[in-house]
Amino acid sequence: MGNSNINWPSMTDKSIIFFIGAYIKDKRLFQNKTQAKVAEAAGINRWTMSQIENGEPISLISLIQILRALNLLEVLEVFKIETQISPLELAKLDKQKRQRARTKVEENEQKDSEW
């Protein structure tokens, strides 16, 4: 799925499933593994492997198992939620940063207040 020129929103769900299947097949063949070998490692049957590679829908759990068996779970990085901070919050945090270091005054050396 390295082609960044794909217009995903304009594709049908069936076309997207086909692309996912083609990706899995390409990676499986690159690793020189048979469908049966990947299916066994994933804990699914070979028919399920065949289904996804032929552009047929499978369950999400089966997809994750296949990605795990092919050591491709990093493709799920796009789902990582990163906390974003607004520019205003960032400015407030910057303002709260310590500007100067304070020297410690021993308790017995503290000056008495004239008040």
PDB file of N, CA and C in Angstrom:
ATOM      1  N   MET A   1       0.818  -1.182   0.000  1.00  0.00           N
ATOM      2  CA  MET A   1       0.000   0.000   0.000  1.00  0.00           C
ATOM      3  C   MET A   1       0.860   1.244   0.000  1.00  0.00           C
ATOM      4  N   GLY A   2       2.021   1.153  -0.576  1.00  0.00           N
ATOM      5  CA  GLY A   2       2.941   2.256  -0.604  1.00  0.00           C
ATOM      6  C   GLY A   2       2.579   3.330  -1.600  1.00  0.00           C
ATOM      7  N   ASN A   3       1.634   3.064  -2.490  1.00  0.00           N
ATOM      8  CA  ASN A   3       1.247   4.031  -3.499  1.00  0.00           C
ATOM      9  C   ASN A   3       0.405   5.116  -2.863  1.00  0.00           C
ATOM     10  N   SER A   4       0.955   6.310  -2.722  1.00  0.00           N
ATOM     11  CA  SER A   4       0.237   7.397  -2.064  1.00  0.00           C
ATOM     12  C   SER A   4      -0.685   8.139  -3.020  1.00  0.00           C
ATOM     13  N   ASN A   5      -0.705   7.750  -4.292  1.00  0.00           N
ATOM     14  CA  ASN A   5      -1.563   8.406  -5.266  1.00  0.00           C
ATOM     15  C   ASN A   5      -2.936   7.763  -5.361  1.00  0.00           C
ATOM     16  N   ILE A   6      -3.234   6.794  -4.521  1.00  0.00           N
ATOM     17  CA  ILE A   6      -4.531   6.133  -4.540  1.00  0.00           C
ATOM     18  C   ILE A   6      -5.554   7.052  -3.894  1.00  0.00           C
ATOM     19  N   ASN A   7      -6.666   7.233  -4.557  1.00  0.00           N
ATOM     20  CA  ASN A   7      -7.737   8.069  -4.032  1.00  0.00           C
ATOM     21  C   ASN A   7      -8.698   7.169  -3.258  1.00  0.00           C
ATOM     22  N   TRP A   8      -8.359   6.881  -2.002  1.00  0.00           N
ATOM     23  CA  TRP A   8      -9.125   5.949  -1.188  1.00  0.00           C
ATOM     24  C   TRP A   8     -10.588   6.336  -1.033  1.00  0.00           C
ATOM     25  N   PRO A   9     -10.926   7.596  -0.788  1.00  0.00           N
ATOM     26  CA  PRO A   9     -12.337   7.931  -0.601  1.00  0.00           C
ATOM     27  C   PRO A   9     -13.221   7.636  -1.814  1.00  0.00           C
ATOM     28  N   SER A  10     -12.645   7.684  -2.994  1.00  0.00           N
ATOM     29  CA  SER A  10     -13.464   7.454  -4.182  1.00  0.00           C
ATOM     30  C   SER A  10     -13.638   5.969  -4.492  1.00  0.00           C
ATOM     31  N   MET A  11     -12.916   5.099  -3.777  1.00  0.00           N
ATOM     32  CA  MET A  11     -12.993   3.669  -4.032  1.00  0.00           C
ATOM     33  C   MET A  11     -14.176   3.032  -3.305  1.00  0.00           C
ATOM     34  N   THR A  12     -14.700   1.976  -3.870  1.00  0.00           N
ATOM     35  CA  THR A  12     -15.757   1.226  -3.199  1.00  0.00           C
ATOM     36  C   THR A  12     -15.130   0.370  -2.107  1.00  0.00           C
ATOM     37  N   ASP A  13     -15.957  -0.092  -1.194  1.00  0.00           N
ATOM     38  CA  ASP A  13     -15.462  -0.968  -0.132  1.00  0.00           C
ATOM     39  C   ASP A  13     -14.852  -2.233  -0.724  1.00  0.00           C
ATOM     40  N   LYS A  14     -15.475  -2.760  -1.733  1.00  0.00           N
ATOM     41  CA  LYS A  14     -14.986  -3.982  -2.395  1.00  0.00           C
ATOM     42  C   LYS A  14     -13.589  -3.743  -2.985  1.00  0.00           C
ATOM     43  N   SER A  15     -13.367  -2.577  -3.581  1.00  0.00           N
ATOM     44  CA  SER A  15     -12.055  -2.254  -4.154  1.00  0.00           C
ATOM     45  C   SER A  15     -10.991  -2.138  -3.074  1.00  0.00           C
ATOM     46  N   ILE A  16     -11.354  -1.564  -1.947  1.00  0.00           N
ATOM     47  CA  ILE A  16     -10.405  -1.434  -0.840  1.00  0.00           C
ATOM     48  C   ILE A  16     -10.035  -2.805  -0.300  1.00  0.00           C
ATOM     49  N   ILE A  17     -11.022  -3.686  -0.168  1.00  0.00           N
ATOM     50  CA  ILE A  17     -10.745  -5.056   0.281  1.00  0.00           C
ATOM     51  C   ILE A  17      -9.827  -5.750  -0.711  1.00  0.00           C
ATOM     52  N   PHE A  18     -10.033  -5.510  -1.996  1.00  0.00           N
ATOM     53  CA  PHE A  18      -9.174  -6.091  -3.023  1.00  0.00           C
ATOM     54  C   PHE A  18      -7.729  -5.619  -2.843  1.00  0.00           C
ATOM     55  N   PHE A  19      -7.535  -4.312  -2.583  1.00  0.00           N
ATOM     56  CA  PHE A  19      -6.193  -3.767  -2.367  1.00  0.00           C
ATOM     57  C   PHE A  19      -5.531  -4.380  -1.131  1.00  0.00           C
ATOM     58  N   ILE A  20      -6.307  -4.561  -0.071  1.00  0.00           N
ATOM     59  CA  ILE A  20      -5.765  -5.178   1.141  1.00  0.00           C
ATOM     60  C   ILE A  20      -5.320  -6.605   0.837  1.00  0.00           C
ATOM     61  N   GLY A  21      -6.154  -7.337   0.123  1.00  0.00           N
ATOM     62  CA  GLY A  21      -5.811  -8.707  -0.257  1.00  0.00           C
ATOM     63  C   GLY A  21      -4.576  -8.776  -1.129  1.00  0.00           C
ATOM     64  N   ALA A  22      -4.457  -7.852  -2.072  1.00  0.00           N
ATOM     65  CA  ALA A  22      -3.282  -7.819  -2.948  1.00  0.00           C
ATOM     66  C   ALA A  22      -2.025  -7.503  -2.134  1.00  0.00           C
ATOM     67  N   TYR A  23      -2.154  -6.620  -1.155  1.00  0.00           N
ATOM     68  CA  TYR A  23      -1.030  -6.274  -0.278  1.00  0.00           C
ATOM     69  C   TYR A  23      -0.573  -7.507   0.501  1.00  0.00           C
ATOM     70  N   ILE A  24      -1.527  -8.208   1.079  1.00  0.00           N
ATOM     71  CA  ILE A  24      -1.195  -9.404   1.860  1.00  0.00           C
ATOM     72  C   ILE A  24      -0.537 -10.460   0.975  1.00  0.00           C
ATOM     73  N   LYS A  25      -1.098 -10.667  -0.218  1.00  0.00           N
ATOM     74  CA  LYS A  25      -0.525 -11.663  -1.130  1.00  0.00           C
ATOM     75  C   LYS A  25       0.904 -11.275  -1.520  1.00  0.00           C
ATOM     76  N   ASP A  26       1.116 -10.000  -1.835  1.00  0.00           N
ATOM     77  CA  ASP A  26       2.446  -9.534  -2.222  1.00  0.00           C
ATOM     78  C   ASP A  26       3.449  -9.764  -1.097  1.00  0.00           C
ATOM     79  N   LYS A  27       3.079  -9.427   0.133  1.00  0.00           N
ATOM     80  CA  LYS A  27       3.982  -9.597   1.267  1.00  0.00           C
ATOM     81  C   LYS A  27       4.221 -11.079   1.557  1.00  0.00           C
ATOM     82  N   ARG A  28       3.191 -11.900   1.411  1.00  0.00           N
ATOM     83  CA  ARG A  28       3.337 -13.340   1.640  1.00  0.00           C
ATOM     84  C   ARG A  28       4.311 -13.934   0.641  1.00  0.00           C
ATOM     85  N   LEU A  29       4.141 -13.578  -0.637  1.00  0.00           N
ATOM     86  CA  LEU A  29       5.026 -14.103  -1.678  1.00  0.00           C
ATOM     87  C   LEU A  29       6.447 -13.583  -1.508  1.00  0.00           C
ATOM     88  N   PHE A  30       6.597 -12.332  -1.088  1.00  0.00           N
ATOM     89  CA  PHE A  30       7.926 -11.767  -0.843  1.00  0.00           C
ATOM     90  C   PHE A  30       8.652 -12.558   0.249  1.00  0.00           C
ATOM     91  N   GLN A  31       7.881 -13.000   1.247  1.00  0.00           N
ATOM     92  CA  GLN A  31       8.451 -13.794   2.335  1.00  0.00           C
ATOM     93  C   GLN A  31       8.569 -15.271   1.958  1.00  0.00           C
ATOM     94  N   ASN A  32       8.158 -15.606   0.731  1.00  0.00           N
ATOM     95  CA  ASN A  32       8.244 -16.974   0.207  1.00  0.00           C
ATOM     96  C   ASN A  32       7.494 -17.964   1.103  1.00  0.00           C
ATOM     97  N   LYS A  33       6.269 -17.591   1.472  1.00  0.00           N
ATOM     98  CA  LYS A  33       5.441 -18.452   2.310  1.00  0.00           C
ATOM     99  C   LYS A  33       4.199 -18.863   1.530  1.00  0.00           C
ATOM    100  N   THR A  34       3.749 -20.073   1.748  1.00  0.00           N
ATOM    101  CA  THR A  34       2.522 -20.541   1.105  1.00  0.00           C
ATOM    102  C   THR A  34       1.318 -20.040   1.896  1.00  0.00           C
ATOM    103  N   GLN A  35       0.155 -20.063   1.250  1.00  0.00           N
ATOM    104  CA  GLN A  35      -1.070 -19.702   1.957  1.00  0.00           C
ATOM    105  C   GLN A  35      -1.277 -20.617   3.150  1.00  0.00           C
ATOM    106  N   ALA A  36      -1.014 -21.897   2.952  1.00  0.00           N
ATOM    107  CA  ALA A  36      -1.216 -22.873   4.025  1.00  0.00           C
ATOM    108  C   ALA A  36      -0.306 -22.581   5.215  1.00  0.00           C
ATOM    109  N   LYS A  37       0.949 -22.208   4.948  1.00  0.00           N
ATOM    110  CA  LYS A  37       1.910 -21.924   6.012  1.00  0.00           C
ATOM    111  C   LYS A  37       1.479 -20.690   6.811  1.00  0.00           C
ATOM    112  N   VAL A  38       1.055 -19.641   6.114  1.00  0.00           N
ATOM    113  CA  VAL A  38       0.610 -18.419   6.799  1.00  0.00           C
ATOM    114  C   VAL A  38      -0.676 -18.694   7.569  1.00  0.00           C
ATOM    115  N   ALA A  39      -1.587 -19.428   6.956  1.00  0.00           N
ATOM    116  CA  ALA A  39      -2.858 -19.751   7.610  1.00  0.00           C
ATOM    117  C   ALA A  39      -2.616 -20.530   8.901  1.00  0.00           C
ATOM    118  N   GLU A  40      -1.714 -21.483   8.849  1.00  0.00           N
ATOM    119  CA  GLU A  40      -1.402 -22.272  10.044  1.00  0.00           C
ATOM    120  C   GLU A  40      -0.802 -21.394  11.129  1.00  0.00           C
ATOM    121  N   ALA A  41       0.126 -20.521  10.752  1.00  0.00           N
ATOM    122  CA  ALA A  41       0.752 -19.612  11.727  1.00  0.00           C
ATOM    123  C   ALA A  41      -0.268 -18.636  12.301  1.00  0.00           C
ATOM    124  N   ALA A  42      -1.255 -18.273  11.492  1.00  0.00           N
ATOM    125  CA  ALA A  42      -2.275 -17.315  11.927  1.00  0.00           C
ATOM    126  C   ALA A  42      -3.399 -17.974  12.710  1.00  0.00           C
ATOM    127  N   GLY A  43      -3.476 -19.293  12.651  1.00  0.00           N
ATOM    128  CA  GLY A  43      -4.552 -19.996  13.352  1.00  0.00           C
ATOM    129  C   GLY A  43      -5.874 -19.911  12.621  1.00  0.00           C
ATOM    130  N   ILE A  44      -5.819 -19.777  11.300  1.00  0.00           N
ATOM    131  CA  ILE A  44      -7.031 -19.733  10.477  1.00  0.00           C
ATOM    132  C   ILE A  44      -6.912 -20.829   9.424  1.00  0.00           C
ATOM    133  N   ASN A  45      -7.982 -21.050   8.651  1.00  0.00           N
ATOM    134  CA  ASN A  45      -7.865 -22.057   7.597  1.00  0.00           C
ATOM    135  C   ASN A  45      -7.384 -21.416   6.297  1.00  0.00           C
ATOM    136  N   ARG A  46      -6.860 -22.237   5.412  1.00  0.00           N
ATOM    137  CA  ARG A  46      -6.300 -21.744   4.160  1.00  0.00           C
ATOM    138  C   ARG A  46      -7.363 -21.065   3.313  1.00  0.00           C
ATOM    139  N   TRP A  47      -8.599 -21.509   3.426  1.00  0.00           N
ATOM    140  CA  TRP A  47      -9.692 -20.918   2.661  1.00  0.00           C
ATOM    141  C   TRP A  47      -9.835 -19.431   3.000  1.00  0.00           C
ATOM    142  N   THR A  48      -9.660 -19.081   4.268  1.00  0.00           N
ATOM    143  CA  THR A  48      -9.743 -17.670   4.681  1.00  0.00           C
ATOM    144  C   THR A  48      -8.616 -16.866   4.049  1.00  0.00           C
ATOM    145  N   MET A  49      -7.425 -17.441   4.004  1.00  0.00           N
ATOM    146  CA  MET A  49      -6.292 -16.776   3.338  1.00  0.00           C
ATOM    147  C   MET A  49      -6.621 -16.546   1.871  1.00  0.00           C
ATOM    148  N   SER A  50      -7.162 -17.552   1.239  1.00  0.00           N
ATOM    149  CA  SER A  50      -7.526 -17.454  -0.175  1.00  0.00           C
ATOM    150  C   SER A  50      -8.580 -16.371  -0.382  1.00  0.00           C
ATOM    151  N   GLN A  51      -9.543 -16.314   0.531  1.00  0.00           N
ATOM    152  CA  GLN A  51     -10.619 -15.322   0.435  1.00  0.00           C
ATOM    153  C   GLN A  51     -10.075 -13.894   0.411  1.00  0.00           C
ATOM    154  N   ILE A  52      -9.224 -13.552   1.374  1.00  0.00           N
ATOM    155  CA  ILE A  52      -8.723 -12.178   1.437  1.00  0.00           C
ATOM    156  C   ILE A  52      -7.840 -11.866   0.246  1.00  0.00           C
ATOM    157  N   GLU A  53      -7.030 -12.829  -0.182  1.00  0.00           N
ATOM    158  CA  GLU A  53      -6.153 -12.578  -1.325  1.00  0.00           C
ATOM    159  C   GLU A  53      -6.930 -12.437  -2.625  1.00  0.00           C
ATOM    160  N   ASN A  54      -8.139 -12.976  -2.655  1.00  0.00           N
ATOM    161  CA  ASN A  54      -8.998 -12.851  -3.839  1.00  0.00           C
ATOM    162  C   ASN A  54      -9.954 -11.666  -3.732  1.00  0.00           C
ATOM    163  N   GLY A  55      -9.781 -10.843  -2.703  1.00  0.00           N
ATOM    164  CA  GLY A  55     -10.593  -9.641  -2.569  1.00  0.00           C
ATOM    165  C   GLY A  55     -11.938  -9.862  -1.921  1.00  0.00           C
ATOM    166  N   GLU A  56     -12.074 -10.958  -1.195  1.00  0.00           N
ATOM    167  CA  GLU A  56     -13.320 -11.241  -0.483  1.00  0.00           C
ATOM    168  C   GLU A  56     -13.190 -10.780   0.965  1.00  0.00           C
ATOM    169  N   PRO A  57     -14.283 -10.339   1.565  1.00  0.00           N
ATOM    170  CA  PRO A  57     -14.198  -9.857   2.945  1.00  0.00           C
ATOM    171  C   PRO A  57     -13.964 -11.001   3.936  1.00  0.00           C
ATOM    172  N   ILE A  58     -13.182 -10.700   4.967  1.00  0.00           N
ATOM    173  CA  ILE A  58     -12.961 -11.629   6.076  1.00  0.00           C
ATOM    174  C   ILE A  58     -13.157 -10.838   7.361  1.00  0.00           C
ATOM    175  N   SER A  59     -13.136 -11.525   8.486  1.00  0.00           N
ATOM    176  CA  SER A  59     -13.323 -10.820   9.753  1.00  0.00           C
ATOM    177  C   SER A  59     -12.072 -10.017  10.100  1.00  0.00           C
ATOM    178  N   LEU A  60     -12.272  -9.010  10.910  1.00  0.00           N
ATOM    179  CA  LEU A  60     -11.166  -8.167  11.344  1.00  0.00           C
ATOM    180  C   LEU A  60     -10.158  -8.969  12.160  1.00  0.00           C
ATOM    181  N   ILE A  61     -10.641  -9.882  12.991  1.00  0.00           N
ATOM    182  CA  ILE A  61      -9.732 -10.685  13.794  1.00  0.00           C
ATOM    183  C   ILE A  61      -8.865 -11.566  12.901  1.00  0.00           C
ATOM    184  N   SER A  62      -9.429 -12.100  11.816  1.00  0.00           N
ATOM    185  CA  SER A  62      -8.639 -12.910  10.884  1.00  0.00           C
ATOM    186  C   SER A  62      -7.569 -12.052  10.212  1.00  0.00           C
ATOM    187  N   LEU A  63      -7.925 -10.825   9.860  1.00  0.00           N
ATOM    188  CA  LEU A  63      -6.960  -9.922   9.242  1.00  0.00           C
ATOM    189  C   LEU A  63      -5.792  -9.648  10.193  1.00  0.00           C
ATOM    190  N   ILE A  64      -6.102  -9.403  11.456  1.00  0.00           N
ATOM    191  CA  ILE A  64      -5.050  -9.149  12.443  1.00  0.00           C
ATOM    192  C   ILE A  64      -4.175 -10.382  12.613  1.00  0.00           C
ATOM    193  N   GLN A  65      -4.777 -11.554  12.635  1.00  0.00           N
ATOM    194  CA  GLN A  65      -4.006 -12.789  12.771  1.00  0.00           C
ATOM    195  C   GLN A  65      -3.071 -12.985  11.572  1.00  0.00           C
ATOM    196  N   ILE A  66      -3.552 -12.659  10.389  1.00  0.00           N
ATOM    197  CA  ILE A  66      -2.725 -12.778   9.183  1.00  0.00           C
ATOM    198  C   ILE A  66      -1.570 -11.781   9.238  1.00  0.00           C
ATOM    199  N   LEU A  67      -1.869 -10.542   9.612  1.00  0.00           N
ATOM    200  CA  LEU A  67      -0.811  -9.530   9.718  1.00  0.00           C
ATOM    201  C   LEU A  67       0.236  -9.942  10.743  1.00  0.00           C
ATOM    202  N   ARG A  68      -0.212 -10.523  11.850  1.00  0.00           N
ATOM    203  CA  ARG A  68       0.721 -10.989  12.877  1.00  0.00           C
ATOM    204  C   ARG A  68       1.595 -12.123  12.327  1.00  0.00           C
ATOM    205  N   ALA A  69       0.990 -13.064  11.611  1.00  0.00           N
ATOM    206  CA  ALA A  69       1.734 -14.197  11.060  1.00  0.00           C
ATOM    207  C   ALA A  69       2.764 -13.744  10.032  1.00  0.00           C
ATOM    208  N   LEU A  70       2.466 -12.660   9.332  1.00  0.00           N
ATOM    209  CA  LEU A  70       3.398 -12.125   8.338  1.00  0.00           C
ATOM    210  C   LEU A  70       4.327 -11.063   8.926  1.00  0.00           C
ATOM    211  N   ASN A  71       4.206 -10.838  10.240  1.00  0.00           N
ATOM    212  CA  ASN A  71       5.009  -9.830  10.926  1.00  0.00           C
ATOM    213  C   ASN A  71       4.796  -8.443  10.306  1.00  0.00           C
ATOM    214  N   LEU A  72       3.537  -8.110  10.076  1.00  0.00           N
ATOM    215  CA  LEU A  72       3.193  -6.834   9.438  1.00  0.00           C
ATOM    216  C   LEU A  72       2.298  -5.954  10.313  1.00  0.00           C
ATOM    217  N   LEU A  73       2.305  -6.177  11.603  1.00  0.00           N
ATOM    218  CA  LEU A  73       1.430  -5.393  12.476  1.00  0.00           C
ATOM    219  C   LEU A  73       1.755  -3.901  12.460  1.00  0.00           C
ATOM    220  N   GLU A  74       2.935  -3.547  11.957  1.00  0.00           N
ATOM    221  CA  GLU A  74       3.288  -2.116  11.918  1.00  0.00           C
ATOM    222  C   GLU A  74       2.361  -1.314  11.012  1.00  0.00           C
ATOM    223  N   VAL A  75       1.643  -1.970  10.109  1.00  0.00           N
ATOM    224  CA  VAL A  75       0.701  -1.225   9.261  1.00  0.00           C
ATOM    225  C   VAL A  75      -0.426  -0.627  10.091  1.00  0.00           C
ATOM    226  N   LEU A  76      -0.596  -1.126  11.308  1.00  0.00           N
ATOM    227  CA  LEU A  76      -1.647  -0.606  12.180  1.00  0.00           C
ATOM    228  C   LEU A  76      -1.233   0.676  12.900  1.00  0.00           C
ATOM    229  N   GLU A  77      -0.001   1.129  12.671  1.00  0.00           N
ATOM    230  CA  GLU A  77       0.487   2.365  13.285  1.00  0.00           C
ATOM    231  C   GLU A  77      -0.403   3.564  12.944  1.00  0.00           C
ATOM    232  N   VAL A  78      -1.051   3.521  11.800  1.00  0.00           N
ATOM    233  CA  VAL A  78      -1.899   4.652  11.399  1.00  0.00           C
ATOM    234  C   VAL A  78      -3.068   4.844  12.361  1.00  0.00           C
ATOM    235  N   PHE A  79      -3.363   3.830  13.171  1.00  0.00           N
ATOM    236  CA  PHE A  79      -4.467   3.929  14.122  1.00  0.00           C
ATOM    237  C   PHE A  79      -4.032   4.461  15.481  1.00  0.00           C
ATOM    238  N   LYS A  80      -2.748   4.748  15.638  1.00  0.00           N
ATOM    239  CA  LYS A  80      -2.227   5.248  16.904  1.00  0.00           C
ATOM    240  C   LYS A  80      -2.787   6.641  17.184  1.00  0.00           C
ATOM    241  N   ILE A  81      -3.282   6.810  18.394  1.00  0.00           N
ATOM    242  CA  ILE A  81      -3.837   8.101  18.799  1.00  0.00           C
ATOM    243  C   ILE A  81      -2.760   8.883  19.528  1.00  0.00           C
ATOM    244  N   GLU A  82      -2.450  10.033  19.000  1.00  0.00           N
ATOM    245  CA  GLU A  82      -1.450  10.886  19.629  1.00  0.00           C
ATOM    246  C   GLU A  82      -2.138  12.112  20.203  1.00  0.00           C
ATOM    247  N   THR A  83      -1.801  12.423  21.426  1.00  0.00           N
ATOM    248  CA  THR A  83      -2.381  13.592  22.066  1.00  0.00           C
ATOM    249  C   THR A  83      -1.845  14.835  21.388  1.00  0.00           C
ATOM    250  N   GLN A  84      -2.761  15.681  20.998  1.00  0.00           N
ATOM    251  CA  GLN A  84      -2.362  16.930  20.368  1.00  0.00           C
ATOM    252  C   GLN A  84      -2.717  18.077  21.299  1.00  0.00           C
ATOM    253  N   ILE A  85      -1.827  19.014  21.374  1.00  0.00           N
ATOM    254  CA  ILE A  85      -2.038  20.155  22.247  1.00  0.00           C
ATOM    255  C   ILE A  85      -2.263  21.396  21.384  1.00  0.00           C
ATOM    256  N   SER A  86      -3.219  22.179  21.778  1.00  0.00           N
ATOM    257  CA  SER A  86      -3.533  23.376  21.006  1.00  0.00           C
ATOM    258  C   SER A  86      -2.431  24.412  21.204  1.00  0.00           C
ATOM    259  N   PRO A  87      -2.281  25.322  20.250  1.00  0.00           N
ATOM    260  CA  PRO A  87      -1.270  26.379  20.396  1.00  0.00           C
ATOM    261  C   PRO A  87      -1.468  27.223  21.656  1.00  0.00           C
ATOM    262  N   LEU A  88      -2.731  27.445  22.039  1.00  0.00           N
ATOM    263  CA  LEU A  88      -2.987  28.226  23.252  1.00  0.00           C
ATOM    264  C   LEU A  88      -2.505  27.489  24.502  1.00  0.00           C
ATOM    265  N   GLU A  89      -2.792  26.187  24.583  1.00  0.00           N
ATOM    266  CA  GLU A  89      -2.342  25.391  25.721  1.00  0.00           C
ATOM    267  C   GLU A  89      -0.824  25.339  25.773  1.00  0.00           C
ATOM    268  N   LEU A  90      -0.196  25.222  24.601  1.00  0.00           N
ATOM    269  CA  LEU A  90       1.261  25.204  24.536  1.00  0.00           C
ATOM    270  C   LEU A  90       1.840  26.521  25.050  1.00  0.00           C
ATOM    271  N   ALA A  91       1.224  27.624  24.676  1.00  0.00           N
ATOM    272  CA  ALA A  91       1.682  28.940  25.140  1.00  0.00           C
ATOM    273  C   ALA A  91       1.519  29.062  26.658  1.00  0.00           C
ATOM    274  N   LYS A  92       0.400  28.538  27.195  1.00  0.00           N
ATOM    275  CA  LYS A  92       0.194  28.575  28.647  1.00  0.00           C
ATOM    276  C   LYS A  92       1.250  27.753  29.368  1.00  0.00           C
ATOM    277  N   LEU A  93       1.558  26.578  28.824  1.00  0.00           N
ATOM    278  CA  LEU A  93       2.578  25.729  29.441  1.00  0.00           C
ATOM    279  C   LEU A  93       3.949  26.392  29.391  1.00  0.00           C
ATOM    280  N   ASP A  94       4.246  27.051  28.279  1.00  0.00           N
ATOM    281  CA  ASP A  94       5.522  27.760  28.155  1.00  0.00           C
ATOM    282  C   ASP A  94       5.618  28.877  29.191  1.00  0.00           C
ATOM    283  N   LYS A  95       4.503  29.540  29.425  1.00  0.00           N
ATOM    284  CA  LYS A  95       4.473  30.651  30.370  1.00  0.00           C
ATOM    285  C   LYS A  95       4.701  30.154  31.805  1.00  0.00           C
ATOM    286  N   GLN A  96       4.285  28.924  32.084  1.00  0.00           N
ATOM    287  CA  GLN A  96       4.419  28.364  33.429  1.00  0.00           C
ATOM    288  C   GLN A  96       5.820  27.806  33.702  1.00  0.00           C
ATOM    289  N   LYS A  97       6.639  27.706  32.678  1.00  0.00           N
ATOM    290  CA  LYS A  97       7.989  27.186  32.880  1.00  0.00           C
ATOM    291  C   LYS A  97       8.782  28.123  33.781  1.00  0.00           C
ATOM    292  N   ARG A  98       9.632  27.543  34.580  1.00  0.00           N
ATOM    293  CA  ARG A  98      10.482  28.308  35.487  1.00  0.00           C
ATOM    294  C   ARG A  98      11.430  29.176  34.667  1.00  0.00           C
ATOM    295  N   GLN A  99      11.512  30.441  35.006  1.00  0.00           N
ATOM    296  CA  GLN A  99      12.367  31.381  34.293  1.00  0.00           C
ATOM    297  C   GLN A  99      13.716  31.562  34.990  1.00  0.00           C
ATOM    298  N   ARG A 100      13.721  31.395  36.319  1.00  0.00           N
ATOM    299  CA  ARG A 100      14.939  31.591  37.093  1.00  0.00           C
ATOM    300  C   ARG A 100      15.061  30.484  38.125  1.00  0.00           C
ATOM    301  N   ALA A 101      16.286  30.241  38.508  1.00  0.00           N
ATOM    302  CA  ALA A 101      16.526  29.284  39.579  1.00  0.00           C
ATOM    303  C   ALA A 101      16.514  30.019  40.901  1.00  0.00           C
ATOM    304  N   ARG A 102      15.998  29.408  41.919  1.00  0.00           N
ATOM    305  CA  ARG A 102      15.927  30.013  43.238  1.00  0.00           C
ATOM    306  C   ARG A 102      16.957  29.325  44.121  1.00  0.00           C
ATOM    307  N   THR A 103      17.707  30.125  44.852  1.00  0.00           N
ATOM    308  CA  THR A 103      18.679  29.533  45.775  1.00  0.00           C
ATOM    309  C   THR A 103      17.953  29.161  47.049  1.00  0.00           C
ATOM    310  N   LYS A 104      18.350  28.046  47.624  1.00  0.00           N
ATOM    311  CA  LYS A 104      17.722  27.608  48.869  1.00  0.00           C
ATOM    312  C   LYS A 104      18.287  28.411  50.030  1.00  0.00           C
ATOM    313  N   VAL A 105      17.395  28.875  50.868  1.00  0.00           N
ATOM    314  CA  VAL A 105      17.793  29.586  52.080  1.00  0.00           C
ATOM    315  C   VAL A 105      17.518  28.645  53.236  1.00  0.00           C
ATOM    316  N   GLU A 106      18.545  28.418  54.060  1.00  0.00           N
ATOM    317  CA  GLU A 106      18.371  27.542  55.209  1.00  0.00           C
ATOM    318  C   GLU A 106      17.322  28.136  56.140  1.00  0.00           C
ATOM    319  N   GLU A 107      16.605  27.269  56.829  1.00  0.00           N
ATOM    320  CA  GLU A 107      15.516  27.718  57.699  1.00  0.00           C
ATOM    321  C   GLU A 107      15.997  28.708  58.762  1.00  0.00           C
ATOM    322  N   ASN A 108      17.142  28.451  59.324  1.00  0.00           N
ATOM    323  CA  ASN A 108      17.620  29.342  60.381  1.00  0.00           C
ATOM    324  C   ASN A 108      18.254  30.619  59.840  1.00  0.00           C
ATOM    325  N   GLU A 109      18.499  30.669  58.569  1.00  0.00           N
ATOM    326  CA  GLU A 109      19.085  31.870  57.968  1.00  0.00           C
ATOM    327  C   GLU A 109      18.045  32.795  57.385  1.00  0.00           C
ATOM    328  N   GLN A 110      16.775  32.418  57.464  1.00  0.00           N
ATOM    329  CA  GLN A 110      15.746  33.248  56.880  1.00  0.00           C
ATOM    330  C   GLN A 110      15.684  34.575  57.633  1.00  0.00           C
ATOM    331  N   LYS A 111      15.459  35.601  56.853  1.00  0.00           N
ATOM    332  CA  LYS A 111      15.381  36.928  57.445  1.00  0.00           C
ATOM    333  C   LYS A 111      14.000  37.127  58.048  1.00  0.00           C
ATOM    334  N   ASP A 112      13.986  37.850  59.160  1.00  0.00           N
ATOM    335  CA  ASP A 112      12.720  38.166  59.778  1.00  0.00           C
ATOM    336  C   ASP A 112      12.073  39.310  58.997  1.00  0.00           C
ATOM    337  N   SER A 113      10.815  39.216  58.879  1.00  0.00           N
ATOM    338  CA  SER A 113      10.080  40.233  58.164  1.00  0.00           C
ATOM    339  C   SER A 113       9.937  41.446  59.055  1.00  0.00           C
ATOM    340  N   GLU A 114       9.945  42.631  58.451  1.00  0.00           N
ATOM    341  CA  GLU A 114       9.797  43.858  59.198  1.00  0.00           C
ATOM    342  C   GLU A 114       8.344  44.175  59.450  1.00  0.00           C
ATOM    343  N   TRP A 115       7.493  43.391  59.004  1.00  0.00           N
ATOM    344  CA  TRP A 115       6.066  43.633  59.207  1.00  0.00           C
ATOM    345  C   TRP A 115       5.707  43.213  60.541  1.00  0.00           C
TER     346      TRP A 115
END
